[in-house]
Amino acid sequence: MKWLFKRSLVRRVALSLLFAFTLAWAALIAFLYIEFSMNMSTDSSVVRAGRQLNAVLADIEKEDVAVAVTDSMAKLINELRRGEGNLPGEVVFMLKDHAGRMLYVSPQIAGHALKGEHDRMVDIKLGSQSYWLYEGSNTHWKLWLGEPHSGITWLLGFIGSSLFMPFLVAFPFVLAPVWIAAAQGIKPLRMLGERIHQRSAEDLSPLGFDPKYAELEPLVNALEDLLSQLRGKVDRERSFVNDAAHELRTPLAVIGAQAHVLSRSTDPKEREEAAQHLTHAIARGSHLIQQLLELATMDGSTHPEMQRIDVAELTRRHLAQASKDAANRQLELMLESPDSVRFSLPVPLYESVLRNLLDNAVKYVDVGGHVIVTLRLEDGVLTLSVVDSGPGIPLEEHALVFDRFHRVAGTSAHGTGLGLAIARQACQRMGGTIELAQNPAGRGCAFTVSIRSRLTLDSLR
């Protein structure tokens, strides 16, 4: 029985159709009531009956004939009224001559003085009963005709009940084709669900499913795009693991070999060289592991925390930290920036970009060269550029330097090939971009990072 309480699109369509029918029924009741209210004084059933009787009486001069006609009309109308079964009371009649002498009166209103408007209907109350009263006159007689009613509530109920049965009969004939159409429309979605359910967790191949209906195309296309992204991610992670294992194999092999030399050799000089090689291999392996962890952290799906800081001051601190390595290689390290640049960004990600770009420049620039860091803020866009006078990178490799473990051919400096990949990943997490170009002043590289303010991004959306 649980299926009765589960949400169902087909059931929802049926309930929506029922709700639509109910609204249409209520709207039609309101329309008919308003139409009746607008026409009740001049074109209601009471007015039409009164006019017809008045026209007949206009051609009659004898009292007994006029009374007989009025009595016959009263009996005929009330007989028809009783046949309806749900109309209150009986229609009442009163007939007088122009001298005011009473000729005919229904028992229900005997003793009451009727007052209305000529050839119009008015709403009056006689005792406890309300009437729609018509008053008419001709050359011989004055006529009053009144139809009892039970107020607005009764009228709305009467209109609603008269419309209910046609709506009730029509509903199944409308519901059946809609129900069948909805059930058939959901069928491809169920087939898609079954196809996905039957796939293994390792199967990321395309679905190859024809949705048939245009409404299902966005869902199928989104699933295909998701599977394509997952295939790409799995391929990248597989390649990443293979490359990481390959890169770690070298320092681990050196560590093992030099540890063996240290444990077996008795030559002090040989032991000292082994210790140096061992220290270098440990440092290289530690640096590689640190960068791998940094990349893994950036691959997370959490949104980075924004902080409003003085980016110029933060950049100066990082340049001060890099100045020792720059001095060892006789490099000139310069910063071109305003005294203060206030900007909101994820500080750890920005530091990662700046640190890797500085390390990359200091490591690969020839001895005696220079590195120029420029920082500026214009129109809500923070721009960081790191320009060096190093050997440069061939144009054909500009698109490859941001790949993981890619190293430019002919490079003599030791590295993991992860620094620029980390910088690009950090830029993407910040919603920014990083580009590589040739040094405008000549030999070397120019890396440019652009980060747009979140306020600016929100206004663009």
Protein backbone atom coordinates (compact mmCIF):
# COMPACT_ATOMS: atom_id res chain seq x y z
CA MET A 1 0.00 0.00 0.00
CA LYS A 2 3.02 2.30 0.18
CA TRP A 3 2.61 3.22 -3.49
CA LEU A 4 -0.60 5.05 -2.56
CA PHE A 5 1.40 7.55 -0.51
CA LYS A 6 4.31 7.97 -2.92
CA ARG A 7 4.38 11.03 -5.09
CA SER A 8 3.41 10.29 -8.68
CA LEU A 9 3.53 12.56 -11.69
CA VAL A 10 0.57 10.76 -13.28
CA ARG A 11 -1.46 11.13 -10.10
CA ARG A 12 -0.40 14.74 -9.90
CA VAL A 13 -1.65 15.33 -13.45
CA ALA A 14 -4.99 13.78 -12.52
CA LEU A 15 -5.28 15.90 -9.38
CA SER A 16 -4.28 18.99 -11.33
CA LEU A 17 -6.99 18.22 -13.86
CA LEU A 18 -9.51 17.77 -11.05
CA PHE A 19 -8.39 21.08 -9.58
CA ALA A 20 -8.73 22.73 -13.00
CA PHE A 21 -12.26 21.36 -13.36
CA THR A 22 -13.12 22.67 -9.91
CA LEU A 23 -11.76 26.11 -10.77
CA ALA A 24 -13.68 26.10 -14.06
CA TRP A 25 -16.87 25.05 -12.23
CA ALA A 26 -16.42 27.83 -9.65
CA ALA A 27 -15.55 30.39 -12.35
CA LEU A 28 -18.64 29.45 -14.36
CA ILE A 29 -20.82 29.74 -11.25
CA ALA A 30 -19.40 33.21 -10.62
CA PHE A 31 -19.89 34.18 -14.27
CA LEU A 32 -23.51 33.03 -14.37
CA TYR A 33 -24.25 34.74 -11.06
CA ILE A 34 -22.74 38.03 -12.27
CA GLU A 35 -24.61 37.72 -15.56
CA PHE A 36 -27.85 37.05 -13.68
CA SER A 37 -27.22 39.99 -11.34
CA MET A 38 -26.68 42.32 -14.29
CA ASN A 39 -29.82 41.17 -16.12
CA MET A 40 -32.14 40.28 -13.25
CA SER A 41 -33.97 43.66 -13.17
CA THR A 42 -34.76 43.87 -16.89
CA ASP A 43 -34.37 40.44 -18.45
CA SER A 44 -34.91 37.79 -15.79
CA SER A 45 -37.41 34.97 -15.96
CA VAL A 46 -39.74 36.94 -13.66
CA VAL A 47 -39.65 39.97 -15.97
CA ARG A 48 -40.20 37.86 -19.09
CA ALA A 49 -43.15 35.98 -17.54
CA GLY A 50 -44.67 39.22 -16.25
CA ARG A 51 -44.37 40.93 -19.62
CA GLN A 52 -45.98 38.01 -21.42
CA LEU A 53 -48.90 37.87 -18.99
CA ASN A 54 -49.29 41.64 -19.09
CA ALA A 55 -49.42 41.58 -22.91
CA VAL A 56 -52.14 38.91 -22.81
CA LEU A 57 -54.19 40.84 -20.24
CA ALA A 58 -53.95 44.04 -22.30
CA ASP A 59 -56.36 42.59 -24.85
CA ILE A 60 -58.89 41.44 -22.21
CA GLU A 61 -61.60 43.78 -20.96
CA LYS A 62 -63.79 41.45 -18.88
CA GLU A 63 -62.82 40.93 -15.23
CA ASP A 64 -63.76 37.26 -15.08
CA VAL A 65 -61.70 36.47 -18.15
CA ALA A 66 -58.68 38.42 -16.81
CA VAL A 67 -58.96 36.60 -13.46
CA ALA A 68 -59.28 33.23 -15.21
CA VAL A 69 -56.21 33.91 -17.37
CA THR A 70 -54.19 35.02 -14.32
CA ASP A 71 -55.30 31.95 -12.33
CA SER A 72 -54.48 29.62 -15.23
CA MET A 73 -51.05 31.19 -15.64
CA ALA A 74 -50.39 30.87 -11.88
CA LYS A 75 -51.33 27.19 -11.87
CA LEU A 76 -49.30 26.46 -15.00
CA ILE A 77 -46.15 28.20 -13.79
CA ASN A 78 -46.29 26.65 -10.31
CA GLU A 79 -46.97 23.20 -11.75
CA LEU A 80 -43.85 23.54 -13.86
CA ARG A 81 -41.98 24.92 -10.87
CA ARG A 82 -42.90 21.96 -8.68
CA GLY A 83 -41.55 19.70 -11.38
CA GLU A 84 -38.11 21.20 -10.85
CA GLY A 85 -38.14 19.92 -7.28
CA ASN A 86 -35.47 22.21 -5.87
CA LEU A 87 -37.08 25.65 -6.21
CA PRO A 88 -38.38 27.33 -3.04
CA GLY A 89 -42.08 28.19 -2.65
CA GLU A 90 -44.52 29.15 -5.38
CA VAL A 91 -44.77 32.11 -7.75
CA VAL A 92 -47.38 34.56 -6.47
CA PHE A 93 -49.75 36.76 -8.50
CA MET A 94 -51.83 39.84 -7.78
CA LEU A 95 -54.25 41.53 -10.20
CA LYS A 96 -56.08 44.85 -9.69
CA ASP A 97 -58.01 47.20 -11.85
CA HIS A 98 -57.02 50.84 -12.16
CA ALA A 99 -59.50 51.77 -9.45
CA GLY A 100 -57.43 49.70 -7.03
CA ARG A 101 -59.99 46.94 -6.60
CA MET A 102 -58.45 43.53 -5.89
CA LEU A 103 -59.41 40.96 -8.50
CA TYR A 104 -56.94 38.11 -7.86
CA VAL A 105 -54.27 37.44 -5.21
CA SER A 106 -52.24 34.38 -4.24
CA PRO A 107 -52.82 33.23 -0.66
CA GLN A 108 -49.17 33.68 0.27
CA ILE A 109 -49.31 37.45 -0.18
CA ALA A 110 -52.91 38.12 0.79
CA GLY A 111 -53.04 41.21 2.96
CA HIS A 112 -49.73 42.63 1.72
CA ALA A 113 -49.40 45.81 -0.26
CA LEU A 114 -47.00 45.26 -3.15
CA LYS A 115 -44.89 48.10 -4.44
CA GLY A 116 -42.35 47.80 -7.23
CA GLU A 117 -41.14 49.58 -10.36
CA HIS A 118 -42.99 49.55 -13.64
CA ASP A 119 -41.75 46.86 -16.05
CA ARG A 120 -38.76 46.07 -13.85
CA MET A 121 -37.90 43.54 -11.20
CA VAL A 122 -37.13 44.50 -7.60
CA ASP A 123 -36.06 42.44 -4.61
CA ILE A 124 -38.50 42.73 -1.70
CA LYS A 125 -39.27 40.86 1.50
CA LEU A 126 -42.78 39.98 2.62
CA GLY A 127 -42.75 38.57 6.11
CA SER A 128 -39.97 35.98 6.23
CA GLN A 129 -39.92 35.31 2.49
CA SER A 130 -37.93 37.22 -0.11
CA TYR A 131 -39.36 37.76 -3.61
CA TRP A 132 -38.21 38.96 -6.99
CA LEU A 133 -41.21 41.15 -7.81
CA TYR A 134 -42.37 42.36 -11.23
CA GLU A 135 -44.90 45.17 -11.57
CA GLY A 136 -46.66 45.93 -14.87
CA SER A 137 -49.80 47.70 -16.07
CA ASN A 138 -51.85 48.13 -19.21
CA THR A 139 -54.99 50.05 -20.18
CA HIS A 140 -57.25 47.82 -18.04
CA TRP A 141 -55.28 46.13 -15.28
CA LYS A 142 -52.31 46.34 -12.89
CA LEU A 143 -50.33 43.12 -12.40
CA TRP A 144 -47.80 41.93 -9.83
CA LEU A 145 -45.84 38.71 -10.19
CA GLY A 146 -43.37 37.53 -7.54
CA GLU A 147 -40.91 34.62 -7.53
CA PRO A 148 -39.69 33.48 -4.11
CA HIS A 149 -36.01 32.96 -3.47
CA SER A 150 -33.71 32.12 -0.54
CA GLY A 151 -30.96 34.70 -1.01
CA ILE A 152 -27.55 34.81 -2.68
CA THR A 153 -26.32 31.60 -1.01
CA TRP A 154 -29.25 29.64 -2.36
CA LEU A 155 -28.82 31.14 -5.83
CA LEU A 156 -25.13 30.22 -5.93
CA GLY A 157 -25.98 26.73 -4.73
CA PHE A 158 -28.71 26.39 -7.33
CA ILE A 159 -26.37 27.46 -10.15
CA GLY A 160 -23.59 25.21 -8.85
CA SER A 161 -25.81 22.15 -8.52
CA SER A 162 -27.20 22.63 -12.03
CA LEU A 163 -23.63 22.71 -13.41
CA PHE A 164 -22.24 19.92 -11.24
CA MET A 165 -23.67 16.97 -13.10
CA PRO A 166 -22.45 18.04 -16.59
CA PHE A 167 -18.99 18.62 -15.14
CA LEU A 168 -19.07 15.26 -13.36
CA VAL A 169 -20.02 13.44 -16.56
CA ALA A 170 -17.38 15.27 -18.62
CA PHE A 171 -14.52 14.74 -16.15
CA PRO A 172 -13.83 11.02 -16.82
CA PHE A 173 -13.86 11.60 -20.57
CA VAL A 174 -11.21 14.30 -20.17
CA LEU A 175 -9.25 12.46 -17.48
CA ALA A 176 -8.90 9.17 -19.39
CA PRO A 177 -6.91 10.49 -22.40
CA VAL A 178 -4.85 12.79 -20.17
CA TRP A 179 -4.04 9.90 -17.80
CA ILE A 180 -3.05 7.64 -20.71
CA ALA A 181 -0.93 10.41 -22.29
CA ALA A 182 0.83 11.11 -18.98
CA ALA A 183 1.49 7.42 -18.34
CA GLN A 184 2.90 6.96 -21.84
CA GLY A 185 4.95 10.13 -21.46
CA ILE A 186 6.55 8.82 -18.26
CA LYS A 187 7.39 5.46 -19.85
CA PRO A 188 10.64 6.65 -21.56
CA LEU A 189 11.75 8.11 -18.22
CA ARG A 190 11.22 4.75 -16.55
CA MET A 191 13.15 3.03 -19.34
CA LEU A 192 15.99 5.51 -18.83
CA GLY A 193 15.98 4.79 -15.10
CA GLU A 194 16.10 1.03 -15.70
CA ARG A 195 18.98 1.42 -18.16
CA ILE A 196 20.98 3.46 -15.64
CA HIS A 197 20.12 1.02 -12.82
CA GLN A 198 21.45 -1.93 -14.83
CA ARG A 199 24.85 -0.28 -15.42
CA SER A 200 27.79 -1.07 -13.19
CA ALA A 201 29.55 1.64 -11.20
CA GLU A 202 32.57 1.38 -13.53
CA ASP A 203 30.53 1.81 -16.71
CA LEU A 204 30.78 5.46 -17.75
CA SER A 205 30.13 4.87 -21.44
CA PRO A 206 27.49 7.00 -23.22
CA LEU A 207 23.88 6.07 -22.54
CA GLY A 208 22.92 5.92 -26.21
CA PHE A 209 19.28 6.60 -25.26
CA ASP A 210 16.78 8.23 -27.63
CA PRO A 211 14.43 10.30 -25.43
CA LYS A 212 11.73 10.57 -28.19
CA TYR A 213 10.14 13.52 -26.38
CA ALA A 214 11.64 17.02 -26.49
CA GLU A 215 10.98 17.49 -22.74
CA LEU A 216 13.34 14.61 -21.89
CA GLU A 217 16.20 15.82 -24.08
CA PRO A 218 17.64 18.23 -21.44
CA LEU A 219 17.78 15.42 -18.88
CA VAL A 220 19.40 12.93 -21.26
CA ASN A 221 21.85 15.55 -22.53
CA ALA A 222 22.75 16.52 -18.96
CA LEU A 223 23.39 12.87 -18.07
CA GLU A 224 25.52 12.41 -21.18
CA ASP A 225 27.52 15.54 -20.28
CA LEU A 226 27.93 14.30 -16.71
CA LEU A 227 29.17 10.90 -17.89
CA SER A 228 31.55 12.63 -20.30
CA GLN A 229 32.93 14.77 -17.47
CA LEU A 230 33.27 11.73 -15.22
CA ARG A 231 35.11 9.84 -17.97
CA GLY A 232 37.47 12.76 -18.39
CA LYS A 233 37.97 13.05 -14.64
CA VAL A 234 38.64 9.33 -14.25
CA ASP A 235 41.09 9.43 -17.16
CA ARG A 236 42.86 12.44 -15.64
CA GLU A 237 43.01 10.84 -12.21
CA ARG A 238 44.31 7.59 -13.68
CA SER A 239 46.96 9.51 -15.60
CA PHE A 240 47.70 11.55 -12.50
CA VAL A 241 48.23 8.45 -10.37
CA ASN A 242 50.47 6.89 -13.00
CA ASP A 243 52.52 10.08 -13.36
CA ALA A 244 52.74 10.52 -9.58
CA ALA A 245 53.93 6.93 -9.17
CA HIS A 246 56.49 7.49 -11.92
CA GLU A 247 57.73 10.75 -10.40
CA LEU A 248 57.95 9.27 -6.89
CA ARG A 249 59.82 6.22 -8.14
CA THR A 250 62.97 8.24 -8.85
CA PRO A 251 63.47 9.91 -5.43
CA LEU A 252 62.46 6.67 -3.66
CA ALA A 253 64.99 4.74 -5.70
CA VAL A 254 67.67 7.32 -4.87
CA ILE A 255 66.73 7.19 -1.18
CA GLY A 256 66.97 3.40 -1.19
CA ALA A 257 70.31 3.37 -3.03
CA GLN A 258 71.92 6.07 -0.87
CA ALA A 259 70.61 4.49 2.31
CA HIS A 260 72.25 1.24 1.21
CA VAL A 261 75.54 3.10 0.62
CA LEU A 262 75.35 4.72 4.05
CA SER A 263 74.74 1.39 5.75
CA ARG A 264 77.54 -0.46 3.94
CA SER A 265 80.26 2.09 3.10
CA THR A 266 83.12 2.86 5.47
CA ASP A 267 84.62 5.63 3.28
CA PRO A 268 83.82 9.02 4.91
CA LYS A 269 83.82 10.86 1.59
CA GLU A 270 81.52 8.32 -0.03
CA ARG A 271 79.22 8.44 2.99
CA GLU A 272 79.11 12.26 2.86
CA GLU A 273 78.16 12.23 -0.84
CA ALA A 274 75.53 9.57 -0.15
CA ALA A 275 74.12 11.68 2.68
CA GLN A 276 73.89 14.73 0.38
CA HIS A 277 72.16 12.72 -2.33
CA LEU A 278 69.85 11.22 0.27
CA THR A 279 68.95 14.65 1.67
CA HIS A 280 68.30 15.99 -1.83
CA ALA A 281 66.10 12.99 -2.73
CA ILE A 282 64.11 13.31 0.50
CA ALA A 283 63.58 17.03 -0.12
CA ARG A 284 62.51 16.38 -3.68
CA GLY A 285 60.10 13.61 -2.62
CA SER A 286 58.72 15.76 0.20
CA HIS A 287 58.18 18.68 -2.19
CA LEU A 288 56.45 16.42 -4.70
CA ILE A 289 54.16 14.95 -2.04
CA GLN A 290 53.34 18.44 -0.77
CA GLN A 291 52.37 19.56 -4.26
CA LEU A 292 50.30 16.43 -4.82
CA LEU A 293 48.42 17.11 -1.58
CA GLU A 294 47.92 20.73 -2.65
CA LEU A 295 46.45 19.61 -5.96
CA ALA A 296 44.18 17.08 -4.24
CA THR A 297 42.93 19.81 -1.88
CA MET A 298 42.14 22.14 -4.79
CA ASP A 299 40.20 19.39 -6.57
CA GLY A 300 37.63 19.48 -3.76
CA SER A 301 34.12 20.75 -4.40
CA THR A 302 33.85 23.14 -1.41
CA HIS A 303 33.71 26.84 -2.14
CA PRO A 304 36.78 28.76 -0.98
CA GLU A 305 36.32 31.25 1.86
CA MET A 306 36.55 34.88 0.76
CA GLN A 307 38.58 37.42 2.77
CA ARG A 308 39.03 41.13 2.14
CA ILE A 309 42.73 41.90 2.58
CA ASP A 310 45.49 44.20 1.40
CA VAL A 311 46.78 42.15 -1.53
CA ALA A 312 49.75 44.47 -2.03
CA GLU A 313 50.98 43.85 1.54
CA LEU A 314 50.51 40.08 1.16
CA THR A 315 52.44 40.12 -2.13
CA ARG A 316 55.31 42.09 -0.53
CA ARG A 317 55.60 39.48 2.22
CA HIS A 318 55.89 36.66 -0.32
CA LEU A 319 58.52 38.57 -2.30
CA ALA A 320 60.47 39.05 0.93
CA GLN A 321 60.38 35.29 1.52
CA ALA A 322 61.59 34.60 -2.02
CA SER A 323 64.31 37.23 -1.86
CA LYS A 324 66.81 34.86 -0.17
CA ASP A 325 66.66 32.33 -3.01
CA ALA A 326 66.75 35.20 -5.53
CA ALA A 327 69.85 36.66 -3.85
CA ASN A 328 71.60 33.28 -3.94
CA ARG A 329 71.15 33.28 -7.72
CA GLN A 330 71.97 37.01 -8.01
CA LEU A 331 68.48 37.79 -9.33
CA GLU A 332 66.83 41.20 -9.16
CA LEU A 333 63.35 40.81 -7.67
CA MET A 334 61.05 43.86 -8.14
CA LEU A 335 57.46 44.74 -7.29
CA GLU A 336 55.40 47.36 -9.11
CA SER A 337 52.22 47.99 -7.13
CA PRO A 338 50.21 50.70 -5.35
CA ASP A 339 50.89 51.02 -1.63
CA SER A 340 47.56 49.36 -0.84
CA VAL A 341 45.22 47.17 -2.88
CA ARG A 342 42.08 46.12 -0.96
CA PHE A 343 40.38 43.11 -2.57
CA SER A 344 38.25 40.10 -1.56
CA LEU A 345 39.67 36.71 -2.50
CA PRO A 346 40.53 33.26 -1.08
CA VAL A 347 43.90 34.01 0.51
CA PRO A 348 45.35 30.43 0.46
CA LEU A 349 44.58 30.08 -3.26
CA TYR A 350 46.11 33.46 -4.12
CA GLU A 351 49.21 32.59 -2.07
CA SER A 352 49.48 29.27 -3.91
CA VAL A 353 49.41 31.04 -7.30
CA LEU A 354 51.95 33.68 -6.27
CA ARG A 355 54.27 31.18 -4.56
CA ASN A 356 54.37 28.79 -7.51
CA LEU A 357 54.90 31.57 -10.06
CA LEU A 358 57.74 33.05 -7.98
CA ASP A 359 59.34 29.64 -7.40
CA ASN A 360 59.07 28.89 -11.10
CA ALA A 361 60.68 32.22 -12.07
CA VAL A 362 63.48 32.09 -9.49
CA LYS A 363 64.28 28.50 -10.36
CA TYR A 364 64.50 28.85 -14.14
CA VAL A 365 65.81 32.40 -14.67
CA ASP A 366 69.53 32.53 -15.48
CA VAL A 367 71.93 33.86 -12.87
CA GLY A 368 72.01 37.66 -12.90
CA GLY A 369 68.54 37.97 -14.44
CA HIS A 370 65.47 39.74 -13.06
CA VAL A 371 61.87 39.00 -12.07
CA ILE A 372 59.25 41.79 -12.13
CA VAL A 373 55.97 41.32 -10.26
CA THR A 374 53.19 43.77 -11.12
CA LEU A 375 49.92 44.17 -9.21
CA ARG A 376 47.00 46.42 -10.19
CA LEU A 377 43.25 46.74 -9.66
CA GLU A 378 41.06 48.20 -12.42
CA ASP A 379 37.28 48.02 -12.91
CA GLY A 380 36.88 45.34 -10.28
CA VAL A 381 39.57 43.08 -11.82
CA LEU A 382 42.74 42.25 -9.89
CA THR A 383 45.69 41.58 -12.22
CA LEU A 384 48.92 39.91 -11.11
CA SER A 385 51.76 39.52 -13.61
CA VAL A 386 55.12 37.82 -13.14
CA VAL A 387 57.61 38.66 -15.89
CA ASP A 388 61.10 37.15 -15.98
CA SER A 389 64.18 37.33 -18.16
CA GLY A 390 64.68 33.57 -18.30
CA PRO A 391 65.16 31.31 -21.32
CA GLY A 392 61.48 31.45 -22.17
CA ILE A 393 59.16 28.70 -23.37
CA PRO A 394 58.58 27.80 -27.03
CA LEU A 395 55.22 28.96 -28.35
CA GLU A 396 54.18 25.43 -29.24
CA GLU A 397 54.46 24.45 -25.55
CA HIS A 398 52.50 27.38 -24.09
CA ALA A 399 49.30 25.32 -23.97
CA LEU A 400 51.09 22.36 -22.35
CA VAL A 401 53.00 23.99 -19.49
CA PHE A 402 49.89 24.00 -17.27
CA ASP A 403 49.46 20.23 -17.61
CA ARG A 404 50.45 18.08 -14.67
CA PHE A 405 54.01 16.73 -14.76
CA HIS A 406 54.80 18.52 -18.02
CA ARG A 407 58.34 19.83 -18.18
CA VAL A 408 59.81 21.89 -20.98
CA ALA A 409 62.37 19.93 -23.01
CA GLY A 410 65.98 20.92 -22.37
CA THR A 411 65.33 22.28 -18.88
CA SER A 412 68.30 21.74 -16.60
CA ALA A 413 66.70 22.83 -13.31
CA HIS A 414 65.10 20.16 -11.16
CA GLY A 415 61.32 20.29 -10.78
CA THR A 416 58.16 18.19 -10.50
CA GLY A 417 56.18 19.74 -13.32
CA LEU A 418 53.32 20.52 -10.95
CA GLY A 419 53.84 24.19 -10.04
CA LEU A 420 52.03 25.72 -13.02
CA ALA A 421 49.31 23.05 -12.85
CA ILE A 422 48.70 24.07 -9.23
CA ALA A 423 48.65 27.76 -10.20
CA ARG A 424 46.06 27.14 -12.93
CA GLN A 425 43.89 25.02 -10.62
CA ALA A 426 44.01 27.72 -7.94
CA CYS A 427 43.02 30.38 -10.48
CA GLN A 428 40.07 28.32 -11.62
CA ARG A 429 38.93 27.85 -8.01
CA MET A 430 39.04 31.64 -7.57
CA GLY A 431 37.04 32.17 -10.78
CA GLY A 432 40.08 33.72 -12.47
CA THR A 433 42.35 32.98 -15.41
CA ILE A 434 46.08 32.57 -15.98
CA GLU A 435 47.80 33.16 -19.29
CA LEU A 436 51.34 32.75 -20.58
CA ALA A 437 52.97 35.07 -23.13
CA GLN A 438 56.47 36.02 -24.19
CA ASN A 439 58.20 38.76 -22.22
CA PRO A 440 57.23 42.00 -24.02
CA ALA A 441 60.73 43.34 -23.37
CA GLY A 442 62.37 40.40 -25.09
CA ARG A 443 63.65 37.09 -23.71
CA GLY A 444 61.67 35.36 -20.98
CA CYS A 445 58.09 34.59 -19.91
CA ALA A 446 55.15 36.73 -18.80
CA PHE A 447 52.47 35.04 -16.66
CA THR A 448 49.27 37.09 -16.15
CA VAL A 449 46.60 36.23 -13.58
CA SER A 450 43.21 38.00 -13.69
CA ILE A 451 40.68 37.70 -10.87
CA ARG A 452 37.31 39.41 -11.17
CA SER A 453 35.60 40.68 -8.04
CA ARG A 454 32.64 38.58 -6.89
CA LEU A 455 30.52 41.75 -6.78
CA THR A 456 31.33 42.37 -10.43
CA LEU A 457 30.50 38.77 -11.31
CA ASP A 458 27.14 39.03 -9.52
CA SER A 459 26.27 42.21 -11.43
CA LEU A 460 27.13 40.55 -14.73
CA ARG A 461 24.82 37.64 -13.97
